[in-house]
């Protein structure tokens, strides 16, 4: 049969408090998920940031190496040019002696 009014009232209160608990648990769970996702994306952007910094450092190093290589190359070219000038000068002197 029929459930007495006080029992019904107690049941309703129990249900309401359980519903509130469940809402709280769901909210806490959703918050936990949001926090975890946020931490994941922060971690990912940190990782990306450090990768970008590493790549930038590598490029800087490469550029510096390239610059050093160019300086060495320019010095080698200059040395060859001077040697060629000396050779020409020597040959000109020889030629002048032959003419005289």
PDB file of N, CA and C in Angstrom:
ATOM      1  N   UNK A   1       0.667  -1.198   0.000  1.00  0.00           N
ATOM      2  CA  UNK A   1       0.000   0.000   0.000  1.00  0.00           C
ATOM      3  C   UNK A   1       0.722   1.297   0.000  1.00  0.00           C
ATOM      4  N   UNK A   2       0.040   2.134   0.809  1.00  0.00           N
ATOM      5  CA  UNK A   2       0.459   3.522   0.821  1.00  0.00           C
ATOM      6  C   UNK A   2       1.590   3.757   1.804  1.00  0.00           C
ATOM      7  N   UNK A   3       2.554   4.619   1.397  1.00  0.00           N
ATOM      8  CA  UNK A   3       3.672   4.977   2.276  1.00  0.00           C
ATOM      9  C   UNK A   3       3.243   6.161   3.129  1.00  0.00           C
ATOM     10  N   UNK A   4       3.403   6.049   4.446  1.00  0.00           N
ATOM     11  CA  UNK A   4       3.006   7.161   5.322  1.00  0.00           C
ATOM     12  C   UNK A   4       3.733   8.454   4.960  1.00  0.00           C
ATOM     13  N   UNK A   5       3.122   9.591   5.223  1.00  0.00           N
ATOM     14  CA  UNK A   5       3.646  10.911   4.857  1.00  0.00           C
ATOM     15  C   UNK A   5       5.039  11.185   5.389  1.00  0.00           C
ATOM     16  N   UNK A   6       5.305  10.835   6.652  1.00  0.00           N
ATOM     17  CA  UNK A   6       6.622  11.128   7.240  1.00  0.00           C
ATOM     18  C   UNK A   6       7.696  10.310   6.531  1.00  0.00           C
ATOM     19  N   UNK A   7       7.391   9.025   6.207  1.00  0.00           N
ATOM     20  CA  UNK A   7       8.350   8.177   5.498  1.00  0.00           C
ATOM     21  C   UNK A   7       8.653   8.774   4.129  1.00  0.00           C
ATOM     22  N   UNK A   8       7.593   9.245   3.460  1.00  0.00           N
ATOM     23  CA  UNK A   8       7.734   9.852   2.131  1.00  0.00           C
ATOM     24  C   UNK A   8       8.640  11.085   2.225  1.00  0.00           C
ATOM     25  N   UNK A   9       8.400  11.890   3.271  1.00  0.00           N
ATOM     26  CA  UNK A   9       9.182  13.109   3.474  1.00  0.00           C
ATOM     27  C   UNK A   9      10.656  12.749   3.688  1.00  0.00           C
ATOM     28  N   UNK A  10      10.896  11.716   4.539  1.00  0.00           N
ATOM     29  CA  UNK A  10      12.275  11.282   4.796  1.00  0.00           C
ATOM     30  C   UNK A  10      12.932  10.782   3.510  1.00  0.00           C
ATOM     31  N   UNK A  11      12.183  10.019   2.734  1.00  0.00           N
ATOM     32  CA  UNK A  11      12.689   9.500   1.449  1.00  0.00           C
ATOM     33  C   UNK A  11      13.088  10.650   0.529  1.00  0.00           C
ATOM     34  N   UNK A  12      12.169  11.650   0.448  1.00  0.00           N
ATOM     35  CA  UNK A  12      12.437  12.814  -0.400  1.00  0.00           C
ATOM     36  C   UNK A  12      13.723  13.522   0.042  1.00  0.00           C
ATOM     37  N   UNK A  13      13.887  13.718   1.350  1.00  0.00           N
ATOM     38  CA  UNK A  13      15.082  14.385   1.886  1.00  0.00           C
ATOM     39  C   UNK A  13      16.344  13.579   1.554  1.00  0.00           C
ATOM     40  N   UNK A  14      16.233  12.254   1.742  1.00  0.00           N
ATOM     41  CA  UNK A  14      17.384  11.385   1.428  1.00  0.00           C
ATOM     42  C   UNK A  14      17.748  11.507  -0.047  1.00  0.00           C
ATOM     43  N   UNK A  15      16.720  11.433  -0.898  1.00  0.00           N
ATOM     44  CA  UNK A  15      16.947  11.537  -2.348  1.00  0.00           C
ATOM     45  C   UNK A  15      17.577  12.884  -2.700  1.00  0.00           C
ATOM     46  N   UNK A  16      17.024  13.961  -2.100  1.00  0.00           N
ATOM     47  CA  UNK A  16      17.536  15.303  -2.390  1.00  0.00           C
ATOM     48  C   UNK A  16      18.999  15.410  -1.946  1.00  0.00           C
ATOM     49  N   UNK A  17      19.330  14.907  -0.769  1.00  0.00           N
ATOM     50  CA  UNK A  17      20.712  15.035  -0.299  1.00  0.00           C
ATOM     51  C   UNK A  17      21.639  14.172  -1.150  1.00  0.00           C
ATOM     52  N   UNK A  18      21.162  12.978  -1.559  1.00  0.00           N
ATOM     53  CA  UNK A  18      21.975  12.128  -2.445  1.00  0.00           C
ATOM     54  C   UNK A  18      22.179  12.809  -3.800  1.00  0.00           C
ATOM     55  N   UNK A  19      21.120  13.436  -4.307  1.00  0.00           N
ATOM     56  CA  UNK A  19      21.216  14.159  -5.586  1.00  0.00           C
ATOM     57  C   UNK A  19      22.236  15.283  -5.472  1.00  0.00           C
ATOM     58  N   UNK A  20      22.200  16.009  -4.341  1.00  0.00           N
ATOM     59  CA  UNK A  20      23.177  17.087  -4.115  1.00  0.00           C
ATOM     60  C   UNK A  20      24.595  16.531  -4.059  1.00  0.00           C
ATOM     61  N   UNK A  21      24.767  15.403  -3.363  1.00  0.00           N
ATOM     62  CA  UNK A  21      26.084  14.768  -3.294  1.00  0.00           C
ATOM     63  C   UNK A  21      26.573  14.418  -4.692  1.00  0.00           C
ATOM     64  N   UNK A  22      25.675  13.791  -5.472  1.00  0.00           N
ATOM     65  CA  UNK A  22      26.041  13.377  -6.835  1.00  0.00           C
ATOM     66  C   UNK A  22      26.424  14.588  -7.670  1.00  0.00           C
ATOM     67  N   UNK A  23      25.632  15.661  -7.566  1.00  0.00           N
ATOM     68  CA  UNK A  23      25.957  16.888  -8.314  1.00  0.00           C
ATOM     69  C   UNK A  23      27.338  17.374  -7.924  1.00  0.00           C
ATOM     70  N   UNK A  24      27.612  17.360  -6.614  1.00  0.00           N
ATOM     71  CA  UNK A  24      28.926  17.780  -6.131  1.00  0.00           C
ATOM     72  C   UNK A  24      30.023  16.901  -6.694  1.00  0.00           C
ATOM     73  N   UNK A  25      29.804  15.569  -6.683  1.00  0.00           N
ATOM     74  CA  UNK A  25      30.812  14.643  -7.198  1.00  0.00           C
ATOM     75  C   UNK A  25      31.053  14.864  -8.686  1.00  0.00           C
ATOM     76  N   UNK A  26      29.952  15.057  -9.436  1.00  0.00           N
ATOM     77  CA  UNK A  26      30.072  15.302 -10.876  1.00  0.00           C
ATOM     78  C   UNK A  26      30.858  16.591 -11.119  1.00  0.00           C
ATOM     79  N   UNK A  27      30.511  17.633 -10.357  1.00  0.00           N
ATOM     80  CA  UNK A  27      31.204  18.922 -10.511  1.00  0.00           C
ATOM     81  C   UNK A  27      32.696  18.759 -10.210  1.00  0.00           C
ATOM     82  N   UNK A  28      33.006  18.040  -9.129  1.00  0.00           N
ATOM     83  CA  UNK A  28      34.409  17.825  -8.760  1.00  0.00           C
ATOM     84  C   UNK A  28      35.124  17.050  -9.860  1.00  0.00           C
ATOM     85  N   UNK A  29      34.447  16.019 -10.381  1.00  0.00           N
ATOM     86  CA  UNK A  29      35.052  15.221 -11.456  1.00  0.00           C
ATOM     87  C   UNK A  29      35.303  16.078 -12.696  1.00  0.00           C
ATOM     88  N   UNK A  30      34.296  16.874 -13.072  1.00  0.00           N
ATOM     89  CA  UNK A  30      34.448  17.748 -14.251  1.00  0.00           C
ATOM     90  C   UNK A  30      35.586  18.738 -14.039  1.00  0.00           C
ATOM     91  N   UNK A  31      35.673  19.293 -12.840  1.00  0.00           N
ATOM     92  CA  UNK A  31      36.775  20.206 -12.517  1.00  0.00           C
ATOM     93  C   UNK A  31      38.122  19.505 -12.648  1.00  0.00           C
ATOM     94  N   UNK A  32      38.171  18.278 -12.124  1.00  0.00           N
ATOM     95  CA  UNK A  32      39.420  17.511 -12.193  1.00  0.00           C
ATOM     96  C   UNK A  32      39.830  17.290 -13.644  1.00  0.00           C
ATOM     97  N   UNK A  33      38.842  16.980 -14.489  1.00  0.00           N
ATOM     98  CA  UNK A  33      39.118  16.777 -15.920  1.00  0.00           C
ATOM     99  C   UNK A  33      39.637  18.062 -16.544  1.00  0.00           C
ATOM    100  N   UNK A  34      38.972  19.173 -16.230  1.00  0.00           N
ATOM    101  CA  UNK A  34      39.400  20.468 -16.781  1.00  0.00           C
ATOM    102  C   UNK A  34      40.822  20.799 -16.330  1.00  0.00           C
ATOM    103  N   UNK A  35      41.098  20.589 -15.035  1.00  0.00           N
ATOM    104  CA  UNK A  35      42.440  20.859 -14.507  1.00  0.00           C
ATOM    105  C   UNK A  35      43.476  19.986 -15.216  1.00  0.00           C
ATOM    106  N   UNK A  36      43.154  18.685 -15.374  1.00  0.00           N
ATOM    107  CA  UNK A  36      44.088  17.771 -16.044  1.00  0.00           C
ATOM    108  C   UNK A  36      44.354  18.218 -17.486  1.00  0.00           C
ATOM    109  N   UNK A  37      43.268  18.583 -18.189  1.00  0.00           N
ATOM    110  CA  UNK A  37      43.433  19.035 -19.585  1.00  0.00           C
ATOM    111  C   UNK A  37      44.267  20.304 -19.646  1.00  0.00           C
ATOM    112  N   UNK A  38      44.010  21.219 -18.709  1.00  0.00           N
ATOM    113  CA  UNK A  38      44.771  22.477 -18.668  1.00  0.00           C
ATOM    114  C   UNK A  38      46.248  22.196 -18.428  1.00  0.00           C
ATOM    115  N   UNK A  39      46.522  21.309 -17.452  1.00  0.00           N
ATOM    116  CA  UNK A  39      47.910  20.950 -17.166  1.00  0.00           C
ATOM    117  C   UNK A  39      48.572  20.314 -18.388  1.00  0.00           C
ATOM    118  N   UNK A  40      47.822  19.431 -19.068  1.00  0.00           N
ATOM    119  CA  UNK A  40      48.348  18.796 -20.284  1.00  0.00           C
ATOM    120  C   UNK A  40      48.715  19.840 -21.319  1.00  0.00           C
ATOM    121  N   UNK A  41      47.810  20.794 -21.542  1.00  0.00           N
ATOM    122  CA  UNK A  41      48.089  21.771 -22.596  1.00  0.00           C
ATOM    123  C   UNK A  41      49.218  22.709 -22.184  1.00  0.00           C
ATOM    124  N   UNK A  42      49.311  23.019 -20.885  1.00  0.00           N
ATOM    125  CA  UNK A  42      50.445  23.825 -20.403  1.00  0.00           C
ATOM    126  C   UNK A  42      51.748  23.087 -20.622  1.00  0.00           C
ATOM    127  N   UNK A  43      51.739  21.796 -20.290  1.00  0.00           N
ATOM    128  CA  UNK A  43      52.923  20.967 -20.461  1.00  0.00           C
ATOM    129  C   UNK A  43      53.316  20.925 -21.934  1.00  0.00           C
ATOM    130  N   UNK A  44      52.304  20.755 -22.794  1.00  0.00           N
ATOM    131  CA  UNK A  44      52.556  20.702 -24.236  1.00  0.00           C
ATOM    132  C   UNK A  44      53.152  22.022 -24.714  1.00  0.00           C
ATOM    133  N   UNK A  45      52.602  23.145 -24.238  1.00  0.00           N
ATOM    134  CA  UNK A  45      53.134  24.424 -24.716  1.00  0.00           C
ATOM    135  C   UNK A  45      54.524  24.686 -24.142  1.00  0.00           C
ATOM    136  N   UNK A  46      54.784  24.211 -22.912  1.00  0.00           N
ATOM    137  CA  UNK A  46      56.136  24.291 -22.353  1.00  0.00           C
ATOM    138  C   UNK A  46      57.113  23.515 -23.213  1.00  0.00           C
ATOM    139  N   UNK A  47      56.687  22.298 -23.584  1.00  0.00           N
ATOM    140  CA  UNK A  47      57.510  21.421 -24.406  1.00  0.00           C
ATOM    141  C   UNK A  47      57.788  22.099 -25.744  1.00  0.00           C
ATOM    142  N   UNK A  48      56.718  22.649 -26.339  1.00  0.00           N
ATOM    143  CA  UNK A  48      56.837  23.332 -27.630  1.00  0.00           C
ATOM    144  C   UNK A  48      57.792  24.519 -27.499  1.00  0.00           C
ATOM    145  N   UNK A  49      57.630  25.267 -26.396  1.00  0.00           N
ATOM    146  CA  UNK A  49      58.470  26.432 -26.139  1.00  0.00           C
ATOM    147  C   UNK A  49      59.941  26.022 -26.072  1.00  0.00           C
ATOM    148  N   UNK A  50      60.228  24.959 -25.303  1.00  0.00           N
ATOM    149  CA  UNK A  50      61.640  24.569 -25.159  1.00  0.00           C
ATOM    150  C   UNK A  50      62.185  24.003 -26.468  1.00  0.00           C
ATOM    151  N   UNK A  51      61.314  23.338 -27.255  1.00  0.00           N
ATOM    152  CA  UNK A  51      61.759  22.858 -28.572  1.00  0.00           C
ATOM    153  C   UNK A  51      62.094  24.034 -29.479  1.00  0.00           C
ATOM    154  N   UNK A  52      61.228  25.045 -29.461  1.00  0.00           N
ATOM    155  CA  UNK A  52      61.465  26.237 -30.281  1.00  0.00           C
ATOM    156  C   UNK A  52      62.751  26.942 -29.853  1.00  0.00           C
ATOM    157  N   UNK A  53      62.964  27.028 -28.521  1.00  0.00           N
ATOM    158  CA  UNK A  53      64.191  27.659 -28.035  1.00  0.00           C
ATOM    159  C   UNK A  53      65.415  26.860 -28.467  1.00  0.00           C
ATOM    160  N   UNK A  54      65.297  25.521 -28.406  1.00  0.00           N
ATOM    161  CA  UNK A  54      66.419  24.670 -28.802  1.00  0.00           C
ATOM    162  C   UNK A  54      66.705  24.866 -30.295  1.00  0.00           C
ATOM    163  N   UNK A  55      65.627  24.898 -31.101  1.00  0.00           N
ATOM    164  CA  UNK A  55      65.801  25.109 -32.551  1.00  0.00           C
ATOM    165  C   UNK A  55      66.436  26.458 -32.838  1.00  0.00           C
ATOM    166  N   UNK A  56      65.994  27.489 -32.117  1.00  0.00           N
ATOM    167  CA  UNK A  56      66.552  28.833 -32.310  1.00  0.00           C
ATOM    168  C   UNK A  56      68.044  28.837 -31.964  1.00  0.00           C
ATOM    169  N   UNK A  57      68.387  28.170 -30.862  1.00  0.00           N
ATOM    170  CA  UNK A  57      69.794  28.090 -30.449  1.00  0.00           C
ATOM    171  C   UNK A  57      70.611  27.359 -31.514  1.00  0.00           C
ATOM    172  N   UNK A  58      70.031  26.278 -32.053  1.00  0.00           N
ATOM    173  CA  UNK A  58      70.717  25.525 -33.119  1.00  0.00           C
ATOM    174  C   UNK A  58      70.956  26.422 -34.335  1.00  0.00           C
ATOM    175  N   UNK A  59      69.903  27.165 -34.724  1.00  0.00           N
ATOM    176  CA  UNK A  59      70.031  28.058 -35.891  1.00  0.00           C
ATOM    177  C   UNK A  59      71.089  29.123 -35.651  1.00  0.00           C
ATOM    178  N   UNK A  60      71.101  29.666 -34.416  1.00  0.00           N
ATOM    179  CA  UNK A  60      72.115  30.667 -34.074  1.00  0.00           C
ATOM    180  C   UNK A  60      73.515  30.073 -34.203  1.00  0.00           C
ATOM    181  N   UNK A  61      73.648  28.837 -33.675  1.00  0.00           N
ATOM    182  CA  UNK A  61      74.945  28.156 -33.730  1.00  0.00           C
ATOM    183  C   UNK A  61      75.348  27.932 -35.186  1.00  0.00           C
ATOM    184  N   UNK A  62      74.376  27.474 -35.996  1.00  0.00           N
ATOM    185  CA  UNK A  62      74.643  27.241 -37.423  1.00  0.00           C
ATOM    186  C   UNK A  62      75.062  28.538 -38.109  1.00  0.00           C
ATOM    187  N   UNK A  63      74.356  29.621 -37.797  1.00  0.00           N
ATOM    188  CA  UNK A  63      74.659  30.917 -38.414  1.00  0.00           C
ATOM    189  C   UNK A  63      76.063  31.371 -38.013  1.00  0.00           C
ATOM    190  N   UNK A  64      76.400  31.188 -36.742  1.00  0.00           N
ATOM    191  CA  UNK A  64      77.734  31.576 -36.262  1.00  0.00           C
ATOM    192  C   UNK A  64      78.800  30.742 -36.966  1.00  0.00           C
ATOM    193  N   UNK A  65      78.535  29.446 -37.111  1.00  0.00           N
ATOM    194  CA  UNK A  65      79.488  28.552 -37.794  1.00  0.00           C
ATOM    195  C   UNK A  65      79.654  28.984 -39.248  1.00  0.00           C
ATOM    196  N   UNK A  66      78.541  29.303 -39.891  1.00  0.00           N
ATOM    197  CA  UNK A  66      78.563  29.746 -41.284  1.00  0.00           C
ATOM    198  C   UNK A  66      79.405  31.023 -41.407  1.00  0.00           C
ATOM    199  N   UNK A  67      79.184  31.937 -40.457  1.00  0.00           N
ATOM    200  CA  UNK A  67      79.940  33.189 -40.459  1.00  0.00           C
ATOM    201  C   UNK A  67      81.437  32.912 -40.317  1.00  0.00           C
ATOM    202  N   UNK A  68      81.779  32.013 -39.369  1.00  0.00           N
ATOM    203  CA  UNK A  68      83.199  31.654 -39.179  1.00  0.00           C
ATOM    204  C   UNK A  68      83.766  31.032 -40.456  1.00  0.00           C
ATOM    205  N   UNK A  69      82.980  30.131 -41.072  1.00  0.00           N
ATOM    206  CA  UNK A  69      83.423  29.482 -42.316  1.00  0.00           C
ATOM    207  C   UNK A  69      83.676  30.529 -43.402  1.00  0.00           C
ATOM    208  N   UNK A  70      82.761  31.521 -43.486  1.00  0.00           N
ATOM    209  CA  UNK A  70      82.903  32.562 -44.514  1.00  0.00           C
ATOM    210  C   UNK A  70      84.154  33.401 -44.264  1.00  0.00           C
ATOM    211  N   UNK A  71      84.416  33.695 -42.982  1.00  0.00           N
ATOM    212  CA  UNK A  71      85.610  34.483 -42.635  1.00  0.00           C
ATOM    213  C   UNK A  71      86.872  33.711 -43.040  1.00  0.00           C
ATOM    214  N   UNK A  72      86.893  32.412 -42.696  1.00  0.00           N
ATOM    215  CA  UNK A  72      88.041  31.567 -43.057  1.00  0.00           C
ATOM    216  C   UNK A  72      88.201  31.531 -44.570  1.00  0.00           C
ATOM    217  N   UNK A  73      87.083  31.323 -45.260  1.00  0.00           N
ATOM    218  CA  UNK A  73      87.093  31.256 -46.736  1.00  0.00           C
ATOM    219  C   UNK A  73      87.613  32.571 -47.335  1.00  0.00           C
ATOM    220  N   UNK A  74      87.122  33.689 -46.788  1.00  0.00           N
ATOM    221  CA  UNK A  74      87.568  35.003 -47.277  1.00  0.00           C
ATOM    222  C   UNK A  74      89.071  35.169 -47.056  1.00  0.00           C
ATOM    223  N   UNK A  75      89.548  34.707 -45.904  1.00  0.00           N
ATOM    224  CA  UNK A  75      90.984  34.800 -45.601  1.00  0.00           C
ATOM    225  C   UNK A  75      91.783  33.945 -46.582  1.00  0.00           C
ATOM    226  N   UNK A  76      91.262  32.741 -46.859  1.00  0.00           N
ATOM    227  CA  UNK A  76      91.950  31.857 -47.822  1.00  0.00           C
ATOM    228  C   UNK A  76      92.001  32.495 -49.202  1.00  0.00           C
ATOM    229  N   UNK A  77      90.872  33.077 -49.616  1.00  0.00           N
ATOM    230  CA  UNK A  77      90.811  33.732 -50.932  1.00  0.00           C
ATOM    231  C   UNK A  77      91.794  34.901 -50.977  1.00  0.00           C
ATOM    232  N   UNK A  78      91.828  35.697 -49.887  1.00  0.00           N
ATOM    233  CA  UNK A  78      92.750  36.835 -49.817  1.00  0.00           C
ATOM    234  C   UNK A  78      94.201  36.355 -49.897  1.00  0.00           C
ATOM    235  N   UNK A  79      94.523  35.285 -49.200  1.00  0.00           N
ATOM    236  CA  UNK A  79      95.889  34.738 -49.221  1.00  0.00           C
ATOM    237  C   UNK A  79      96.247  34.301 -50.645  1.00  0.00           C
ATOM    238  N   UNK A  80      95.309  33.639 -51.328  1.00  0.00           N
ATOM    239  CA  UNK A  80      95.553  33.192 -52.708  1.00  0.00           C
ATOM    240  C   UNK A  80      95.756  34.388 -53.628  1.00  0.00           C
ATOM    241  N   UNK A  81      94.937  35.442 -53.406  1.00  0.00           N
ATOM    242  CA  UNK A  81      95.043  36.645 -54.231  1.00  0.00           C
ATOM    243  C   UNK A  81      96.429  37.272 -54.050  1.00  0.00           C
ATOM    244  N   UNK A  82      96.868  37.388 -52.804  1.00  0.00           N
ATOM    245  CA  UNK A  82      98.185  37.978 -52.539  1.00  0.00           C
ATOM    246  C   UNK A  82      99.299  37.144 -53.164  1.00  0.00           C
ATOM    247  N   UNK A  83      99.154  35.803 -53.055  1.00  0.00           N
ATOM    248  CA  UNK A  83     100.167  34.909 -53.633  1.00  0.00           C
ATOM    249  C   UNK A  83     100.205  35.092 -55.161  1.00  0.00           C
ATOM    250  N   UNK A  84      99.011  35.210 -55.747  1.00  0.00           N
ATOM    251  CA  UNK A  84      98.932  35.405 -57.201  1.00  0.00           C
ATOM    252  C   UNK A  84      99.598  36.737 -57.586  1.00  0.00           C
ATOM    253  N   UNK A  85      99.327  37.781 -56.788  1.00  0.00           N
ATOM    254  CA  UNK A  85      99.951  39.085 -57.057  1.00  0.00           C
ATOM    255  C   UNK A  85     101.484  38.981 -56.987  1.00  0.00           C
ATOM    256  N   UNK A  86     101.957  38.265 -55.978  1.00  0.00           N
ATOM    257  CA  UNK A  86     103.412  38.094 -55.821  1.00  0.00           C
ATOM    258  C   UNK A  86     103.984  37.346 -57.029  1.00  0.00           C
ATOM    259  N   UNK A  87     103.275  36.301 -57.438  1.00  0.00           N
ATOM    260  CA  UNK A  87     103.733  35.521 -58.597  1.00  0.00           C
ATOM    261  C   UNK A  87     103.800  36.405 -59.829  1.00  0.00           C
ATOM    262  N   UNK A  88     102.744  37.205 -60.036  1.00  0.00           N
ATOM    263  CA  UNK A  88     102.729  38.111 -61.188  1.00  0.00           C
ATOM    264  C   UNK A  88     103.891  39.090 -61.100  1.00  0.00           C
ATOM    265  N   UNK A  89     104.102  39.663 -59.925  1.00  0.00           N
ATOM    266  CA  UNK A  89     105.186  40.634 -59.736  1.00  0.00           C
ATOM    267  C   UNK A  89     106.547  39.975 -60.039  1.00  0.00           C
ATOM    268  N   UNK A  90     106.725  38.759 -59.532  1.00  0.00           N
ATOM    269  CA  UNK A  90     107.978  38.026 -59.780  1.00  0.00           C
ATOM    270  C   UNK A  90     108.157  37.809 -61.278  1.00  0.00           C
ATOM    271  N   UNK A  91     107.107  37.375 -61.957  1.00  0.00           N
ATOM    272  CA  UNK A  91     107.184  37.125 -63.402  1.00  0.00           C
ATOM    273  C   UNK A  91     107.468  38.418 -64.160  1.00  0.00           C
ATOM    274  N   UNK A  92     106.865  39.523 -63.719  1.00  0.00           N
ATOM    275  CA  UNK A  92     107.111  40.815 -64.371  1.00  0.00           C
ATOM    276  C   UNK A  92     108.588  41.209 -64.225  1.00  0.00           C
ATOM    277  N   UNK A  93     109.153  40.992 -63.046  1.00  0.00           N
ATOM    278  CA  UNK A  93     110.569  41.325 -62.829  1.00  0.00           C
ATOM    279  C   UNK A  93     111.459  40.472 -63.737  1.00  0.00           C
ATOM    280  N   UNK A  94     111.116  39.160 -63.819  1.00  0.00           N
ATOM    281  CA  UNK A  94     111.889  38.265 -64.696  1.00  0.00           C
ATOM    282  C   UNK A  94     111.808  38.747 -66.140  1.00  0.00           C
ATOM    283  N   UNK A  95     110.603  39.080 -66.548  1.00  0.00           N
ATOM    284  CA  UNK A  95     110.412  39.530 -67.922  1.00  0.00           C
ATOM    285  C   UNK A  95     111.212  40.803 -68.176  1.00  0.00           C
ATOM    286  N   UNK A  96     111.185  41.719 -67.213  1.00  0.00           N
ATOM    287  CA  UNK A  96     111.916  42.986 -67.355  1.00  0.00           C
ATOM    288  C   UNK A  96     113.418  42.696 -67.511  1.00  0.00           C
ATOM    289  N   UNK A  97     113.952  41.733 -66.725  1.00  0.00           N
ATOM    290  CA  UNK A  97     115.380  41.391 -66.821  1.00  0.00           C
ATOM    291  C   UNK A  97     115.695  40.814 -68.211  1.00  0.00           C
ATOM    292  N   UNK A  98     114.751  40.003 -68.717  1.00  0.00           N
ATOM    293  CA  UNK A  98     114.980  39.398 -70.027  1.00  0.00           C
ATOM    294  C   UNK A  98     115.011  40.444 -71.129  1.00  0.00           C
ATOM    295  N   UNK A  99     114.125  41.437 -70.973  1.00  0.00           N
ATOM    296  CA  UNK A  99     114.050  42.480 -71.994  1.00  0.00           C
ATOM    297  C   UNK A  99     115.340  43.304 -71.985  1.00  0.00           C
ATOM    298  N   UNK A 100     115.797  43.638 -70.772  1.00  0.00           N
ATOM    299  CA  UNK A 100     117.027  44.442 -70.646  1.00  0.00           C
ATOM    300  C   UNK A 100     118.220  43.675 -71.059  1.00  0.00           C
TER     301      UNK A 100
END
